[in-house]
PDB file of all heavy atoms in Angstrom:
ATOM      1  N   LYS A   1       0.854  -1.184   0.000  1.00  0.00           N
ATOM      2  CA  LYS A   1       0.000   0.000   0.000  1.00  0.00           C
ATOM      3  C   LYS A   1       0.890   1.234   0.000  1.00  0.00           C
ATOM      4  O   LYS A   1       1.782   1.362   0.834  1.00  0.00           O
ATOM      5  CB  LYS A   1      -0.921   0.008   1.224  1.00  0.00           C
ATOM      6  CG  LYS A   1      -1.874  -1.182   1.283  1.00  0.00           C
ATOM      7  CD  LYS A   1      -2.826  -1.185   0.099  1.00  0.00           C
ATOM      8  CE  LYS A   1      -3.796  -2.363   0.190  1.00  0.00           C
ATOM      9  NZ  LYS A   1      -4.677  -2.435  -0.991  1.00  0.00           N
ATOM     10  N   LEU A   2       0.638   2.133  -0.909  1.00  0.00           N
ATOM     11  CA  LEU A   2       1.445   3.332  -1.035  1.00  0.00           C
ATOM     12  C   LEU A   2       1.244   4.247   0.170  1.00  0.00           C
ATOM     13  O   LEU A   2       0.104   4.523   0.557  1.00  0.00           O
ATOM     14  CB  LEU A   2       1.058   4.064  -2.318  1.00  0.00           C
ATOM     15  CG  LEU A   2       2.009   5.140  -2.812  1.00  0.00           C
ATOM     16  CD1 LEU A   2       3.319   4.532  -3.263  1.00  0.00           C
ATOM     17  CD2 LEU A   2       1.378   5.898  -3.978  1.00  0.00           C
ATOM     18  N   ASP A   3       2.331   4.683   0.793  1.00  0.00           N
ATOM     19  CA  ASP A   3       2.275   5.608   1.929  1.00  0.00           C
ATOM     20  C   ASP A   3       2.143   7.027   1.391  1.00  0.00           C
ATOM     21  O   ASP A   3       3.139   7.675   1.066  1.00  0.00           O
ATOM     22  CB  ASP A   3       3.538   5.460   2.788  1.00  0.00           C
ATOM     23  CG  ASP A   3       3.484   6.324   4.047  1.00  0.00           C
ATOM     24  OD1 ASP A   3       2.547   7.156   4.166  1.00  0.00           O
ATOM     25  OD2 ASP A   3       4.365   6.177   4.908  1.00  0.00           O
ATOM     26  N   LYS A   4       0.919   7.512   1.316  1.00  0.00           N
ATOM     27  CA  LYS A   4       0.685   8.823   0.724  1.00  0.00           C
ATOM     28  C   LYS A   4       0.914   9.965   1.715  1.00  0.00           C
ATOM     29  O   LYS A   4       0.755  11.134   1.359  1.00  0.00           O
ATOM     30  CB  LYS A   4      -0.721   8.874   0.136  1.00  0.00           C
ATOM     31  CG  LYS A   4      -0.887   7.913  -1.036  1.00  0.00           C
ATOM     32  CD  LYS A   4      -2.286   7.921  -1.606  1.00  0.00           C
ATOM     33  CE  LYS A   4      -2.417   6.891  -2.720  1.00  0.00           C
ATOM     34  NZ  LYS A   4      -3.782   6.786  -3.239  1.00  0.00           N
ATOM     35  N   GLU A   5       1.292   9.628   2.939  1.00  0.00           N
ATOM     36  CA  GLU A   5       1.657  10.663   3.902  1.00  0.00           C
ATOM     37  C   GLU A   5       3.108  11.104   3.691  1.00  0.00           C
ATOM     38  O   GLU A   5       3.503  12.193   4.102  1.00  0.00           O
ATOM     39  CB  GLU A   5       1.461  10.152   5.329  1.00  0.00           C
ATOM     40  CG  GLU A   5       0.012   9.848   5.675  1.00  0.00           C
ATOM     41  CD  GLU A   5      -0.900  11.054   5.492  1.00  0.00           C
ATOM     42  OE1 GLU A   5      -0.538  12.149   5.976  1.00  0.00           O
ATOM     43  OE2 GLU A   5      -1.956  10.910   4.850  1.00  0.00           O
ATOM     44  N   ALA A   6       3.895  10.231   3.076  1.00  0.00           N
ATOM     45  CA  ALA A   6       5.294  10.578   2.801  1.00  0.00           C
ATOM     46  C   ALA A   6       5.345  11.594   1.666  1.00  0.00           C
ATOM     47  O   ALA A   6       4.459  11.666   0.807  1.00  0.00           O
ATOM     48  CB  ALA A   6       6.078   9.331   2.410  1.00  0.00           C
ATOM     49  N   ASP A   7       6.417  12.403   1.649  1.00  0.00           N
ATOM     50  CA  ASP A   7       6.607  13.333   0.537  1.00  0.00           C
ATOM     51  C   ASP A   7       6.908  12.579  -0.750  1.00  0.00           C
ATOM     52  O   ASP A   7       6.559  13.048  -1.846  1.00  0.00           O
ATOM     53  CB  ASP A   7       7.739  14.304   0.856  1.00  0.00           C
ATOM     54  CG  ASP A   7       7.408  15.194   2.038  1.00  0.00           C
ATOM     55  OD1 ASP A   7       6.350  15.848   2.014  1.00  0.00           O
ATOM     56  OD2 ASP A   7       8.208  15.232   2.996  1.00  0.00           O
ATOM     57  N   ALA A   8       7.541  11.424  -0.601  1.00  0.00           N
ATOM     58  CA  ALA A   8       7.880  10.620  -1.774  1.00  0.00           C
ATOM     59  C   ALA A   8       8.108   9.176  -1.342  1.00  0.00           C
ATOM     60  O   ALA A   8       8.448   8.902  -0.190  1.00  0.00           O
ATOM     61  CB  ALA A   8       9.121  11.173  -2.472  1.00  0.00           C
ATOM     62  N   VAL A   9       7.912   8.291  -2.286  1.00  0.00           N
ATOM     63  CA  VAL A   9       8.154   6.866  -2.063  1.00  0.00           C
ATOM     64  C   VAL A   9       9.033   6.358  -3.194  1.00  0.00           C
ATOM     65  O   VAL A   9       8.765   6.614  -4.372  1.00  0.00           O
ATOM     66  CB  VAL A   9       6.839   6.064  -2.013  1.00  0.00           C
ATOM     67  CG1 VAL A   9       7.129   4.565  -1.892  1.00  0.00           C
ATOM     68  CG2 VAL A   9       5.960   6.534  -0.862  1.00  0.00           C
ATOM     69  N   MET A  10      10.100   5.626  -2.829  1.00  0.00           N
ATOM     70  CA  MET A  10      10.960   4.987  -3.821  1.00  0.00           C
ATOM     71  C   MET A  10      10.687   3.488  -3.790  1.00  0.00           C
ATOM     72  O   MET A  10      10.772   2.862  -2.735  1.00  0.00           O
ATOM     73  CB  MET A  10      12.436   5.277  -3.520  1.00  0.00           C
ATOM     74  CG  MET A  10      12.754   6.757  -3.495  1.00  0.00           C
ATOM     75  SD  MET A  10      14.496   7.110  -3.145  1.00  0.00           S
ATOM     76  CE  MET A  10      15.240   6.507  -4.647  1.00  0.00           C
ATOM     77  N   TRP A  11      10.363   2.921  -4.937  1.00  0.00           N
ATOM     78  CA  TRP A  11      10.047   1.503  -4.996  1.00  0.00           C
ATOM     79  C   TRP A  11      11.353   0.713  -5.061  1.00  0.00           C
ATOM     80  O   TRP A  11      12.250   1.025  -5.857  1.00  0.00           O
ATOM     81  CB  TRP A  11       9.160   1.202  -6.194  1.00  0.00           C
ATOM     82  CG  TRP A  11       7.829   1.908  -6.111  1.00  0.00           C
ATOM     83  CD1 TRP A  11       7.507   2.970  -5.312  1.00  0.00           C
ATOM     84  CD2 TRP A  11       6.656   1.604  -6.845  1.00  0.00           C
ATOM     85  NE1 TRP A  11       6.207   3.339  -5.520  1.00  0.00           N
ATOM     86  CE2 TRP A  11       5.655   2.529  -6.448  1.00  0.00           C
ATOM     87  CE3 TRP A  11       6.343   0.653  -7.810  1.00  0.00           C
ATOM     88  CZ2 TRP A  11       4.375   2.516  -6.971  1.00  0.00           C
ATOM     89  CZ3 TRP A  11       5.065   0.637  -8.356  1.00  0.00           C
ATOM     90  CH2 TRP A  11       4.092   1.550  -7.936  1.00  0.00           C
ATOM     91  N   VAL A  12      11.427  -0.308  -4.205  1.00  0.00           N
ATOM     92  CA  VAL A  12      12.674  -1.058  -4.058  1.00  0.00           C
ATOM     93  C   VAL A  12      12.392  -2.554  -4.055  1.00  0.00           C
ATOM     94  O   VAL A  12      11.267  -2.994  -3.827  1.00  0.00           O
ATOM     95  CB  VAL A  12      13.411  -0.673  -2.745  1.00  0.00           C
ATOM     96  CG1 VAL A  12      13.815   0.793  -2.763  1.00  0.00           C
ATOM     97  CG2 VAL A  12      12.554  -0.971  -1.518  1.00  0.00           C
ATOM     98  N   LYS A  13      13.458  -3.320  -4.293  1.00  0.00           N
ATOM     99  CA  LYS A  13      13.381  -4.779  -4.251  1.00  0.00           C
ATOM    100  C   LYS A  13      14.587  -5.317  -3.517  1.00  0.00           C
ATOM    101  O   LYS A  13      15.719  -4.887  -3.761  1.00  0.00           O
ATOM    102  CB  LYS A  13      13.357  -5.357  -5.671  1.00  0.00           C
ATOM    103  CG  LYS A  13      13.407  -6.898  -5.743  1.00  0.00           C
ATOM    104  CD  LYS A  13      12.123  -7.505  -5.243  1.00  0.00           C
ATOM    105  CE  LYS A  13      12.074  -9.019  -5.434  1.00  0.00           C
ATOM    106  NZ  LYS A  13      12.969  -9.753  -4.516  1.00  0.00           N
ATOM    107  N   GLN A  14      14.356  -6.238  -2.603  1.00  0.00           N
ATOM    108  CA  GLN A  14      15.464  -6.894  -1.907  1.00  0.00           C
ATOM    109  C   GLN A  14      16.222  -7.781  -2.887  1.00  0.00           C
ATOM    110  O   GLN A  14      15.621  -8.590  -3.604  1.00  0.00           O
ATOM    111  CB  GLN A  14      14.934  -7.729  -0.743  1.00  0.00           C
ATOM    112  CG  GLN A  14      16.007  -8.239   0.199  1.00  0.00           C
ATOM    113  CD  GLN A  14      15.406  -8.898   1.425  1.00  0.00           C
ATOM    114  OE1 GLN A  14      14.292  -9.414   1.396  1.00  0.00           O
ATOM    115  NE2 GLN A  14      16.148  -8.880   2.525  1.00  0.00           N
ATOM    116  N   VAL A  15      17.540  -7.611  -2.954  1.00  0.00           N
ATOM    117  CA  VAL A  15      18.352  -8.330  -3.930  1.00  0.00           C
ATOM    118  C   VAL A  15      19.505  -9.056  -3.230  1.00  0.00           C
ATOM    119  O   VAL A  15      19.899  -8.705  -2.121  1.00  0.00           O
ATOM    120  CB  VAL A  15      18.915  -7.370  -5.004  1.00  0.00           C
ATOM    121  CG1 VAL A  15      17.791  -6.788  -5.842  1.00  0.00           C
ATOM    122  CG2 VAL A  15      19.743  -6.268  -4.372  1.00  0.00           C
ATOM    123  N   GLU A  16      20.035 -10.070  -3.921  1.00  0.00           N
ATOM    124  CA  GLU A  16      21.120 -10.865  -3.347  1.00  0.00           C
ATOM    125  C   GLU A  16      22.491 -10.250  -3.604  1.00  0.00           C
ATOM    126  O   GLU A  16      23.439 -10.540  -2.885  1.00  0.00           O
ATOM    127  CB  GLU A  16      21.066 -12.285  -3.919  1.00  0.00           C
ATOM    128  CG  GLU A  16      19.820 -13.070  -3.512  1.00  0.00           C
ATOM    129  CD  GLU A  16      19.821 -14.473  -4.063  1.00  0.00           C
ATOM    130  OE1 GLU A  16      20.766 -14.811  -4.825  1.00  0.00           O
ATOM    131  OE2 GLU A  16      18.881 -15.244  -3.755  1.00  0.00           O
ATOM    132  N   ASN A  17      22.610  -9.413  -4.629  1.00  0.00           N
ATOM    133  CA  ASN A  17      23.904  -8.811  -4.977  1.00  0.00           C
ATOM    134  C   ASN A  17      23.791  -7.287  -5.009  1.00  0.00           C
ATOM    135  O   ASN A  17      23.858  -6.666  -6.086  1.00  0.00           O
ATOM    136  CB  ASN A  17      24.412  -9.342  -6.319  1.00  0.00           C
ATOM    137  CG  ASN A  17      23.383  -9.176  -7.430  1.00  0.00           C
ATOM    138  OD1 ASN A  17      22.175  -9.164  -7.191  1.00  0.00           O
ATOM    139  ND2 ASN A  17      23.866  -9.049  -8.655  1.00  0.00           N
ATOM    140  N   PRO A  18      23.590  -6.659  -3.851  1.00  0.00           N
ATOM    141  CA  PRO A  18      23.329  -5.212  -3.814  1.00  0.00           C
ATOM    142  C   PRO A  18      24.463  -4.360  -4.363  1.00  0.00           C
ATOM    143  O   PRO A  18      24.239  -3.216  -4.762  1.00  0.00           O
ATOM    144  CB  PRO A  18      23.096  -4.933  -2.326  1.00  0.00           C
ATOM    145  CG  PRO A  18      23.740  -6.069  -1.604  1.00  0.00           C
ATOM    146  CD  PRO A  18      23.576  -7.255  -2.500  1.00  0.00           C
ATOM    147  N   GLU A  19      25.681  -4.904  -4.417  1.00  0.00           N
ATOM    148  CA  GLU A  19      26.806  -4.126  -4.929  1.00  0.00           C
ATOM    149  C   GLU A  19      26.645  -3.779  -6.414  1.00  0.00           C
ATOM    150  O   GLU A  19      27.326  -2.896  -6.936  1.00  0.00           O
ATOM    151  CB  GLU A  19      28.117  -4.884  -4.716  1.00  0.00           C
ATOM    152  CG  GLU A  19      28.298  -6.152  -5.538  1.00  0.00           C
ATOM    153  CD  GLU A  19      27.595  -7.373  -4.967  1.00  0.00           C
ATOM    154  OE1 GLU A  19      26.961  -7.247  -3.886  1.00  0.00           O
ATOM    155  OE2 GLU A  19      27.675  -8.452  -5.577  1.00  0.00           O
ATOM    156  N   ALA A  20      25.704  -4.452  -7.097  1.00  0.00           N
ATOM    157  CA  ALA A  20      25.484  -4.197  -8.516  1.00  0.00           C
ATOM    158  C   ALA A  20      24.410  -3.145  -8.763  1.00  0.00           C
ATOM    159  O   ALA A  20      24.122  -2.824  -9.917  1.00  0.00           O
ATOM    160  CB  ALA A  20      25.089  -5.497  -9.218  1.00  0.00           C
ATOM    161  N   PHE A  21      23.825  -2.595  -7.691  1.00  0.00           N
ATOM    162  CA  PHE A  21      22.683  -1.696  -7.840  1.00  0.00           C
ATOM    163  C   PHE A  21      22.859  -0.426  -7.009  1.00  0.00           C
ATOM    164  O   PHE A  21      23.681  -0.361  -6.100  1.00  0.00           O
ATOM    165  CB  PHE A  21      21.391  -2.393  -7.379  1.00  0.00           C
ATOM    166  CG  PHE A  21      21.082  -3.659  -8.121  1.00  0.00           C
ATOM    167  CD1 PHE A  21      21.473  -4.891  -7.619  1.00  0.00           C
ATOM    168  CD2 PHE A  21      20.409  -3.633  -9.329  1.00  0.00           C
ATOM    169  CE1 PHE A  21      21.192  -6.060  -8.286  1.00  0.00           C
ATOM    170  CE2 PHE A  21      20.122  -4.797 -10.014  1.00  0.00           C
ATOM    171  CZ  PHE A  21      20.515  -6.010  -9.492  1.00  0.00           C
ATOM    172  N   GLY A  22      22.032   0.558  -7.308  1.00  0.00           N
ATOM    173  CA  GLY A  22      21.839   1.670  -6.404  1.00  0.00           C
ATOM    174  C   GLY A  22      20.907   1.211  -5.293  1.00  0.00           C
ATOM    175  O   GLY A  22      19.860   0.609  -5.560  1.00  0.00           O
ATOM    176  N   VAL A  23      21.274   1.456  -4.043  1.00  0.00           N
ATOM    177  CA  VAL A  23      20.484   0.984  -2.913  1.00  0.00           C
ATOM    178  C   VAL A  23      20.137   2.157  -1.990  1.00  0.00           C
ATOM    179  O   VAL A  23      20.728   3.234  -2.076  1.00  0.00           O
ATOM    180  CB  VAL A  23      21.217  -0.114  -2.114  1.00  0.00           C
ATOM    181  CG1 VAL A  23      21.467  -1.337  -2.988  1.00  0.00           C
ATOM    182  CG2 VAL A  23      22.524   0.406  -1.540  1.00  0.00           C
ATOM    183  N   ILE A  24      19.188   1.904  -1.086  1.00  0.00           N
ATOM    184  CA  ILE A  24      18.787   2.923  -0.123  1.00  0.00           C
ATOM    185  C   ILE A  24      19.265   2.540   1.270  1.00  0.00           C
ATOM    186  O   ILE A  24      19.431   1.365   1.595  1.00  0.00           O
ATOM    187  CB  ILE A  24      17.262   3.128  -0.107  1.00  0.00           C
ATOM    188  CG1 ILE A  24      16.545   1.819   0.272  1.00  0.00           C
ATOM    189  CG2 ILE A  24      16.776   3.643  -1.445  1.00  0.00           C
ATOM    190  CD1 ILE A  24      15.070   1.993   0.556  1.00  0.00           C
ATOM    191  N   LYS A  25      19.483   3.558   2.088  1.00  0.00           N
ATOM    192  CA  LYS A  25      19.806   3.368   3.491  1.00  0.00           C
ATOM    193  C   LYS A  25      18.657   3.925   4.321  1.00  0.00           C
ATOM    194  O   LYS A  25      18.157   5.023   4.052  1.00  0.00           O
ATOM    195  CB  LYS A  25      21.115   4.099   3.838  1.00  0.00           C
ATOM    196  CG  LYS A  25      21.674   3.775   5.208  1.00  0.00           C
ATOM    197  CD  LYS A  25      23.041   4.428   5.377  1.00  0.00           C
ATOM    198  CE  LYS A  25      23.657   4.070   6.721  1.00  0.00           C
ATOM    199  NZ  LYS A  25      25.006   4.688   6.872  1.00  0.00           N
ATOM    200  N   LEU A  26      18.197   3.155   5.329  1.00  0.00           N
ATOM    201  CA  LEU A  26      17.053   3.536   6.137  1.00  0.00           C
ATOM    202  C   LEU A  26      17.470   3.888   7.558  1.00  0.00           C
ATOM    203  O   LEU A  26      18.444   3.341   8.085  1.00  0.00           O
ATOM    204  CB  LEU A  26      16.030   2.384   6.196  1.00  0.00           C
ATOM    205  CG  LEU A  26      15.442   1.892   4.872  1.00  0.00           C
ATOM    206  CD1 LEU A  26      14.549   0.683   5.114  1.00  0.00           C
ATOM    207  CD2 LEU A  26      14.649   2.997   4.190  1.00  0.00           C
ATOM    208  N   ASN A  27      16.696   4.772   8.204  1.00  0.00           N
ATOM    209  CA  ASN A  27      16.887   5.025   9.635  1.00  0.00           C
ATOM    210  C   ASN A  27      15.902   4.172  10.428  1.00  0.00           C
ATOM    211  O   ASN A  27      15.130   3.383   9.863  1.00  0.00           O
ATOM    212  CB  ASN A  27      16.738   6.517   9.956  1.00  0.00           C
ATOM    213  CG  ASN A  27      15.353   7.052   9.644  1.00  0.00           C
ATOM    214  OD1 ASN A  27      14.393   6.298   9.478  1.00  0.00           O
ATOM    215  ND2 ASN A  27      15.224   8.378   9.564  1.00  0.00           N
ATOM    216  N   ASP A  28      15.907   4.327  11.751  1.00  0.00           N
ATOM    217  CA  ASP A  28      15.047   3.480  12.581  1.00  0.00           C
ATOM    218  C   ASP A  28      13.568   3.820  12.458  1.00  0.00           C
ATOM    219  O   ASP A  28      12.714   3.112  12.984  1.00  0.00           O
ATOM    220  CB  ASP A  28      15.491   3.551  14.047  1.00  0.00           C
ATOM    221  CG  ASP A  28      15.543   4.974  14.589  1.00  0.00           C
ATOM    222  OD1 ASP A  28      15.100   5.904  13.876  1.00  0.00           O
ATOM    223  OD2 ASP A  28      16.025   5.168  15.726  1.00  0.00           O
ATOM    224  N   LYS A  29      13.233   4.900  11.747  1.00  0.00           N
ATOM    225  CA  LYS A  29      11.841   5.250  11.495  1.00  0.00           C
ATOM    226  C   LYS A  29      11.354   4.713  10.150  1.00  0.00           C
ATOM    227  O   LYS A  29      10.221   4.967   9.752  1.00  0.00           O
ATOM    228  CB  LYS A  29      11.674   6.770  11.524  1.00  0.00           C
ATOM    229  CG  LYS A  29      11.957   7.408  12.877  1.00  0.00           C
ATOM    230  CD  LYS A  29      11.766   8.917  12.800  1.00  0.00           C
ATOM    231  CE  LYS A  29      12.061   9.578  14.142  1.00  0.00           C
ATOM    232  NZ  LYS A  29      11.896  11.071  14.061  1.00  0.00           N
ATOM    233  N   GLY A  30      12.218   3.973   9.465  1.00  0.00           N
ATOM    234  CA  GLY A  30      11.852   3.444   8.157  1.00  0.00           C
ATOM    235  C   GLY A  30      11.879   4.476   7.057  1.00  0.00           C
ATOM    236  O   GLY A  30      11.286   4.285   5.991  1.00  0.00           O
ATOM    237  N   GLN A  31      12.599   5.574   7.285  1.00  0.00           N
ATOM    238  CA  GLN A  31      12.723   6.629   6.284  1.00  0.00           C
ATOM    239  C   GLN A  31      14.036   6.476   5.530  1.00  0.00           C
ATOM    240  O   GLN A  31      15.039   6.015   6.086  1.00  0.00           O
ATOM    241  CB  GLN A  31      12.664   7.999   6.959  1.00  0.00           C
ATOM    242  CG  GLN A  31      11.371   8.273   7.701  1.00  0.00           C
ATOM    243  CD  GLN A  31      11.430   9.551   8.521  1.00  0.00           C
ATOM    244  OE1 GLN A  31      12.485  10.172   8.659  1.00  0.00           O
ATOM    245  NE2 GLN A  31      10.294   9.945   9.076  1.00  0.00           N
ATOM    246  N   ILE A  32      14.020   6.867   4.268  1.00  0.00           N
ATOM    247  CA  ILE A  32      15.230   6.780   3.450  1.00  0.00           C
ATOM    248  C   ILE A  32      16.144   7.947   3.789  1.00  0.00           C
ATOM    249  O   ILE A  32      15.752   9.110   3.679  1.00  0.00           O
ATOM    250  CB  ILE A  32      14.877   6.791   1.949  1.00  0.00           C
ATOM    251  CG1 ILE A  32      14.006   5.568   1.604  1.00  0.00           C
ATOM    252  CG2 ILE A  32      16.148   6.797   1.089  1.00  0.00           C
ATOM    253  CD1 ILE A  32      13.437   5.598   0.203  1.00  0.00           C
ATOM    254  N   THR A  33      17.348   7.609   4.209  1.00  0.00           N
ATOM    255  CA  THR A  33      18.301   8.662   4.571  1.00  0.00           C
ATOM    256  C   THR A  33      19.362   8.890   3.509  1.00  0.00           C
ATOM    257  O   THR A  33      19.979   9.958   3.459  1.00  0.00           O
ATOM    258  CB  THR A  33      19.004   8.314   5.894  1.00  0.00           C
ATOM    259  OG1 THR A  33      19.702   7.055   5.743  1.00  0.00           O
ATOM    260  CG2 THR A  33      18.001   8.199   7.028  1.00  0.00           C
ATOM    261  N   GLU A  34      19.568   7.883   2.657  1.00  0.00           N
ATOM    262  CA  GLU A  34      20.676   8.007   1.712  1.00  0.00           C
ATOM    263  C   GLU A  34      20.457   7.112   0.499  1.00  0.00           C
ATOM    264  O   GLU A  34      19.865   6.032   0.593  1.00  0.00           O
ATOM    265  CB  GLU A  34      21.989   7.623   2.416  1.00  0.00           C
ATOM    266  CG  GLU A  34      23.245   8.023   1.678  1.00  0.00           C
ATOM    267  CD  GLU A  34      24.503   7.730   2.501  1.00  0.00           C
ATOM    268  OE1 GLU A  34      24.369   7.373   3.693  1.00  0.00           O
ATOM    269  OE2 GLU A  34      25.593   7.843   1.937  1.00  0.00           O
ATOM    270  N   LEU A  35      20.934   7.577  -0.649  1.00  0.00           N
ATOM    271  CA  LEU A  35      21.013   6.780  -1.870  1.00  0.00           C
ATOM    272  C   LEU A  35      22.476   6.485  -2.143  1.00  0.00           C
ATOM    273  O   LEU A  35      23.292   7.407  -2.181  1.00  0.00           O
ATOM    274  CB  LEU A  35      20.432   7.539  -3.055  1.00  0.00           C
ATOM    275  CG  LEU A  35      18.921   7.756  -3.112  1.00  0.00           C
ATOM    276  CD1 LEU A  35      18.594   8.701  -4.260  1.00  0.00           C
ATOM    277  CD2 LEU A  35      18.201   6.451  -3.277  1.00  0.00           C
ATOM    278  N   VAL A  36      22.806   5.224  -2.328  1.00  0.00           N
ATOM    279  CA  VAL A  36      24.201   4.849  -2.540  1.00  0.00           C
ATOM    280  C   VAL A  36      24.296   4.027  -3.820  1.00  0.00           C
ATOM    281  O   VAL A  36      23.590   3.029  -3.993  1.00  0.00           O
ATOM    282  CB  VAL A  36      24.759   4.048  -1.350  1.00  0.00           C
ATOM    283  CG1 VAL A  36      26.236   3.721  -1.579  1.00  0.00           C
ATOM    284  CG2 VAL A  36      24.564   4.818  -0.044  1.00  0.00           C
ATOM    285  N   GLU A  37      25.179   4.445  -4.726  1.00  0.00           N
ATOM    286  CA  GLU A  37      25.329   3.783  -6.018  1.00  0.00           C
ATOM    287  C   GLU A  37      26.415   2.712  -5.992  1.00  0.00           C
ATOM    288  O   GLU A  37      27.584   3.005  -5.751  1.00  0.00           O
ATOM    289  CB  GLU A  37      25.662   4.806  -7.106  1.00  0.00           C
ATOM    290  CG  GLU A  37      24.476   5.654  -7.543  1.00  0.00           C
ATOM    291  CD  GLU A  37      23.421   4.856  -8.278  1.00  0.00           C
ATOM    292  OE1 GLU A  37      23.772   3.838  -8.906  1.00  0.00           O
ATOM    293  OE2 GLU A  37      22.249   5.247  -8.212  1.00  0.00           O
ATOM    294  N   LYS A  38      26.018   1.462  -6.176  1.00  0.00           N
ATOM    295  CA  LYS A  38      26.930   0.337  -6.423  1.00  0.00           C
ATOM    296  C   LYS A  38      28.131   0.342  -5.480  1.00  0.00           C
ATOM    297  O   LYS A  38      29.284   0.298  -5.908  1.00  0.00           O
ATOM    298  CB  LYS A  38      27.389   0.349  -7.886  1.00  0.00           C
ATOM    299  CG  LYS A  38      26.246   0.208  -8.870  1.00  0.00           C
ATOM    300  CD  LYS A  38      26.709   0.202 -10.315  1.00  0.00           C
ATOM    301  CE  LYS A  38      25.529   0.075 -11.275  1.00  0.00           C
ATOM    302  NZ  LYS A  38      25.947   0.070 -12.683  1.00  0.00           N
ATOM    303  N   SER A  39      27.839   0.359  -4.197  1.00  0.00           N
ATOM    304  CA  SER A  39      28.901   0.357  -3.197  1.00  0.00           C
ATOM    305  C   SER A  39      29.475  -1.051  -3.014  1.00  0.00           C
ATOM    306  O   SER A  39      28.729  -2.028  -2.911  1.00  0.00           O
ATOM    307  CB  SER A  39      28.352   0.869  -1.864  1.00  0.00           C
ATOM    308  OG  SER A  39      29.315   0.736  -0.841  1.00  0.00           O
ATOM    309  N   LYS A  40      30.802  -1.146  -2.967  1.00  0.00           N
ATOM    310  CA  LYS A  40      31.434  -2.433  -2.702  1.00  0.00           C
ATOM    311  C   LYS A  40      31.251  -2.844  -1.245  1.00  0.00           C
ATOM    312  O   LYS A  40      31.273  -4.034  -0.911  1.00  0.00           O
ATOM    313  CB  LYS A  40      32.927  -2.360  -3.051  1.00  0.00           C
ATOM    314  CG  LYS A  40      33.186  -2.170  -4.545  1.00  0.00           C
ATOM    315  CD  LYS A  40      34.673  -2.120  -4.842  1.00  0.00           C
ATOM    316  CE  LYS A  40      34.930  -1.920  -6.335  1.00  0.00           C
ATOM    317  NZ  LYS A  40      36.389  -1.850  -6.645  1.00  0.00           N
ATOM    318  N   ASP A  41      31.095  -1.864  -0.371  1.00  0.00           N
ATOM    319  CA  ASP A  41      30.818  -2.138   1.042  1.00  0.00           C
ATOM    320  C   ASP A  41      29.311  -2.246   1.236  1.00  0.00           C
ATOM    321  O   ASP A  41      28.541  -1.473   0.664  1.00  0.00           O
ATOM    322  CB  ASP A  41      31.376  -1.024   1.929  1.00  0.00           C
ATOM    323  CG  ASP A  41      32.885  -0.893   1.813  1.00  0.00           C
ATOM    324  OD1 ASP A  41      33.561  -1.942   1.706  1.00  0.00           O
ATOM    325  OD2 ASP A  41      33.375   0.253   1.797  1.00  0.00           O
ATOM    326  N   PHE A  42      28.886  -3.189   2.077  1.00  0.00           N
ATOM    327  CA  PHE A  42      27.447  -3.402   2.269  1.00  0.00           C
ATOM    328  C   PHE A  42      26.801  -2.182   2.924  1.00  0.00           C
ATOM    329  O   PHE A  42      27.252  -1.710   3.972  1.00  0.00           O
ATOM    330  CB  PHE A  42      27.180  -4.642   3.119  1.00  0.00           C
ATOM    331  CG  PHE A  42      25.706  -4.912   3.302  1.00  0.00           C
ATOM    332  CD1 PHE A  42      24.979  -5.558   2.315  1.00  0.00           C
ATOM    333  CD2 PHE A  42      25.046  -4.489   4.457  1.00  0.00           C
ATOM    334  CE1 PHE A  42      23.619  -5.803   2.472  1.00  0.00           C
ATOM    335  CE2 PHE A  42      23.681  -4.725   4.617  1.00  0.00           C
ATOM    336  CZ  PHE A  42      22.973  -5.388   3.627  1.00  0.00           C
TER     337      PHE A  42
END
């Protein structure tokens, strides 16, 4: 269900090889704090 209270929603998929993708970083409130492109570090 789309959270329409948020200013924006980024659609994501859990993947096995995140180093090959742009990924999001979340805080303890479930909010996106950062976008990271193809990081070798998890």
